[in-house]
Amino acid sequence: MTTSGHARRNEIVVGIDIGGTKTALMVWDRERESVLAEDAVSTPTEIGPNEFVSGLAQEIGALITRAGRMQDELVAIGVAVPGLVDAAAGNVIEAGNLAGWIDFSLRACLQEHFPVAISIEHDANAAALGEQWRGAARGERDFVFLALGTGIGAGIVINGHLHRGAHHAAGEVGNLVMSREFLG
């Protein structure tokens, strides 16, 4: 940011949505508030997280180049991940559909490739924040975003703030255990 509060002309951010079957990427121009380039690739679910991030770093670099921009213009990366995420620490606690993604420091691993601000978030939570920012939930203080894809999840916003739960599992609808005892 400049002292006037406006973004520097060349600042870009990269958004990444890691899904159970595909990974979507985009380059966003902060000044114009527009998408410069986007792509989607198959998610390699059977490789480990370090190898995944190495391939992802190559995809990010190629997409920035395709957008006609330079990597030194990159100021931040946001990553949406399926599964349990400790957003504050930048760690994936567990991503059931991705082999080996247990207690993985995704932020630290990505920062080895890109020394910029990196935010890691549960995919349904990230979608809820997106809806609050620019979508159907704009102006809403309390809502639930349901994500139906390879898994089922929910992003919960209460009093205008994302609710993650005590163990980072709020909204993990696909992991609810039901018992016939409670069904009557």
Protein backbone atom coordinates (compact mmCIF):
# COMPACT_ATOMS: atom_id res chain seq x y z
CA MET A 1 0.00 0.00 0.00
CA THR A 2 1.08 3.54 -0.61
CA THR A 3 0.68 6.24 2.00
CA SER A 4 -2.54 7.37 0.31
CA GLY A 5 -4.10 3.97 1.02
CA HIS A 6 -4.28 2.81 -2.60
CA ALA A 7 -2.64 -0.36 -3.87
CA ARG A 8 0.56 0.09 -5.84
CA ARG A 9 -0.08 -0.18 -9.54
CA ASN A 10 1.53 -3.55 -10.14
CA GLU A 11 0.28 -5.57 -7.15
CA ILE A 12 -1.23 -8.93 -7.97
CA VAL A 13 -2.52 -11.76 -5.83
CA VAL A 14 -3.05 -15.42 -6.65
CA GLY A 15 -6.11 -17.33 -5.52
CA ILE A 16 -6.06 -21.13 -5.40
CA ASP A 17 -8.91 -23.55 -4.74
CA ILE A 18 -7.63 -27.08 -4.14
CA GLY A 19 -10.51 -29.47 -4.74
CA GLY A 20 -10.92 -33.21 -4.60
CA THR A 21 -10.77 -33.50 -8.40
CA LYS A 22 -9.46 -30.17 -9.72
CA THR A 23 -7.36 -27.26 -8.56
CA ALA A 24 -8.40 -23.83 -9.82
CA LEU A 25 -5.97 -20.88 -9.92
CA MET A 26 -6.36 -17.22 -10.78
CA VAL A 27 -4.26 -14.08 -10.89
CA TRP A 28 -6.04 -10.96 -9.61
CA ASP A 29 -5.03 -7.35 -10.30
CA ARG A 30 -5.58 -5.40 -7.08
CA GLU A 31 -5.81 -1.96 -8.70
CA ARG A 32 -8.25 -2.92 -11.44
CA GLU A 33 -10.04 -5.46 -9.23
CA SER A 34 -10.13 -7.91 -12.10
CA VAL A 35 -9.01 -11.39 -13.02
CA LEU A 36 -5.97 -11.33 -15.30
CA ALA A 37 -5.66 -15.08 -15.91
CA GLU A 38 -7.16 -18.31 -14.62
CA ASP A 39 -6.69 -22.01 -15.10
CA ALA A 40 -7.75 -25.35 -13.68
CA VAL A 41 -5.70 -28.54 -13.48
CA SER A 42 -6.47 -32.01 -12.19
CA THR A 43 -5.70 -32.41 -8.50
CA PRO A 44 -3.04 -35.10 -8.07
CA THR A 45 -4.61 -36.65 -4.95
CA GLU A 46 -2.19 -39.57 -4.63
CA ILE A 47 1.09 -37.65 -4.40
CA GLY A 48 2.33 -36.21 -1.14
CA PRO A 49 1.87 -32.57 -0.16
CA ASN A 50 5.49 -31.48 -0.77
CA GLU A 51 5.45 -32.81 -4.33
CA PHE A 52 1.99 -31.25 -4.82
CA VAL A 53 3.26 -27.82 -3.70
CA SER A 54 6.29 -28.07 -6.02
CA GLY A 55 3.98 -28.66 -8.98
CA LEU A 56 1.61 -25.95 -7.75
CA ALA A 57 4.49 -23.45 -7.58
CA GLN A 58 5.27 -24.16 -11.23
CA GLU A 59 1.61 -23.66 -12.16
CA ILE A 60 1.52 -20.35 -10.26
CA GLY A 61 4.65 -19.09 -12.02
CA ALA A 62 3.31 -20.08 -15.43
CA LEU A 63 -0.06 -18.42 -14.77
CA ILE A 64 1.59 -15.17 -13.64
CA THR A 65 3.63 -15.18 -16.86
CA ARG A 66 0.50 -15.92 -18.92
CA ALA A 67 -1.17 -12.94 -17.23
CA GLY A 68 1.66 -10.78 -18.57
CA ARG A 69 2.93 -9.98 -15.11
CA MET A 70 6.15 -10.55 -13.13
CA GLN A 71 6.57 -12.62 -9.97
CA ASP A 72 7.96 -9.60 -8.11
CA GLU A 73 4.50 -8.03 -8.48
CA LEU A 74 2.99 -10.85 -6.39
CA VAL A 75 2.08 -9.63 -2.89
CA ALA A 76 -0.19 -12.40 -1.58
CA ILE A 77 -1.55 -15.89 -2.15
CA GLY A 78 -4.83 -17.25 -0.82
CA VAL A 79 -5.40 -21.00 -0.75
CA ALA A 80 -8.69 -22.81 -0.12
CA VAL A 81 -8.21 -26.41 1.04
CA PRO A 82 -10.69 -29.25 1.58
CA GLY A 83 -10.52 -30.64 5.11
CA LEU A 84 -9.55 -29.36 8.51
CA VAL A 85 -7.41 -26.22 8.45
CA ASP A 86 -5.78 -24.18 11.20
CA ALA A 87 -5.99 -20.87 9.34
CA ALA A 88 -4.03 -18.89 11.94
CA ALA A 89 -1.07 -21.29 11.73
CA GLY A 90 -1.38 -21.87 7.97
CA ASN A 91 -1.55 -25.63 8.50
CA VAL A 92 -3.67 -28.37 7.01
CA ILE A 93 -4.68 -30.55 9.94
CA GLU A 94 -6.13 -33.21 7.67
CA ALA A 95 -7.41 -33.31 4.10
CA GLY A 96 -9.03 -36.71 3.73
CA ASN A 97 -9.11 -36.72 -0.08
CA LEU A 98 -5.42 -35.81 -0.39
CA ALA A 99 -2.88 -38.52 0.44
CA GLY A 100 -0.43 -37.55 3.18
CA TRP A 101 -2.01 -34.18 4.00
CA ILE A 102 -1.94 -34.59 7.77
CA ASP A 103 -0.39 -31.87 9.98
CA PHE A 104 1.10 -30.23 6.90
CA SER A 105 2.49 -26.67 7.08
CA LEU A 106 1.13 -25.52 3.73
CA ARG A 107 1.90 -21.82 4.31
CA ALA A 108 5.53 -22.51 5.22
CA CYS A 109 5.97 -24.85 2.25
CA LEU A 110 4.51 -22.33 -0.20
CA GLN A 111 6.61 -19.51 1.27
CA GLU A 112 9.74 -21.44 0.28
CA HIS A 113 8.68 -20.72 -3.31
CA PHE A 114 6.95 -17.35 -2.82
CA PRO A 115 8.05 -15.17 0.13
CA VAL A 116 4.77 -13.22 0.27
CA ALA A 117 1.74 -13.08 2.55
CA ILE A 118 -0.07 -16.42 2.33
CA SER A 119 -3.49 -17.23 3.73
CA ILE A 120 -4.71 -20.81 4.09
CA GLU A 121 -8.41 -21.44 4.68
CA HIS A 122 -10.93 -24.28 4.66
CA ASP A 123 -12.61 -24.26 1.24
CA ALA A 124 -16.19 -23.74 2.45
CA ASN A 125 -15.03 -20.97 4.79
CA ALA A 126 -13.21 -19.25 1.93
CA ALA A 127 -16.33 -19.52 -0.22
CA ALA A 128 -18.44 -18.03 2.59
CA LEU A 129 -16.02 -15.09 2.87
CA GLY A 130 -16.20 -14.62 -0.89
CA GLU A 131 -20.00 -14.53 -0.79
CA GLN A 132 -19.84 -12.01 2.07
CA TRP A 133 -17.34 -9.86 0.13
CA ARG A 134 -18.90 -9.85 -3.35
CA GLY A 135 -21.70 -12.38 -3.58
CA ALA A 136 -25.17 -13.29 -2.40
CA ALA A 137 -24.30 -12.73 1.28
CA ARG A 138 -23.02 -9.17 0.80
CA GLY A 139 -24.22 -7.15 3.78
CA GLU A 140 -25.38 -10.23 5.70
CA ARG A 141 -24.09 -10.70 9.26
CA ASP A 142 -25.40 -14.24 9.84
CA PHE A 143 -25.49 -16.97 7.20
CA VAL A 144 -24.33 -20.44 6.26
CA PHE A 145 -22.71 -21.26 2.93
CA LEU A 146 -23.13 -24.92 1.90
CA ALA A 147 -20.44 -26.41 -0.31
CA LEU A 148 -21.45 -29.52 -2.22
CA GLY A 149 -18.62 -31.09 -4.20
CA THR A 150 -16.36 -34.07 -3.68
CA GLY A 151 -17.30 -33.60 -0.01
CA ILE A 152 -19.89 -31.62 1.92
CA GLY A 153 -18.93 -28.62 4.01
CA ALA A 154 -20.30 -25.36 5.32
CA GLY A 155 -18.88 -21.93 6.00
CA ILE A 156 -20.62 -20.36 8.98
CA VAL A 157 -20.70 -16.60 9.54
CA ILE A 158 -22.07 -15.30 12.85
CA ASN A 159 -22.25 -11.58 13.68
CA GLY A 160 -20.24 -10.84 10.54
CA HIS A 161 -17.33 -13.12 11.50
CA LEU A 162 -16.32 -16.54 10.29
CA HIS A 163 -16.97 -19.25 12.88
CA ARG A 164 -14.31 -21.99 12.74
CA GLY A 165 -15.13 -23.85 15.94
CA ALA A 166 -12.92 -24.83 18.86
CA HIS A 167 -11.13 -27.53 16.84
CA HIS A 168 -11.30 -25.98 13.35
CA ALA A 169 -14.18 -28.29 12.41
CA ALA A 170 -17.27 -26.03 12.43
CA GLY A 171 -19.20 -26.71 9.25
CA GLU A 172 -17.71 -30.12 8.56
CA VAL A 173 -21.13 -31.43 7.56
CA GLY A 174 -19.70 -34.41 5.68
CA ASN A 175 -18.09 -35.69 8.89
CA LEU A 176 -21.20 -35.67 11.06
CA VAL A 177 -21.86 -39.03 12.67
CA MET A 178 -25.52 -39.94 12.99
CA SER A 179 -26.84 -42.67 15.22
CA ARG A 180 -30.22 -44.37 15.00
CA GLU A 181 -30.62 -43.69 18.73
CA PHE A 182 -31.04 -40.00 17.95
CA LEU A 183 -33.31 -40.47 14.97
CA GLY A 184 -36.14 -41.90 17.08
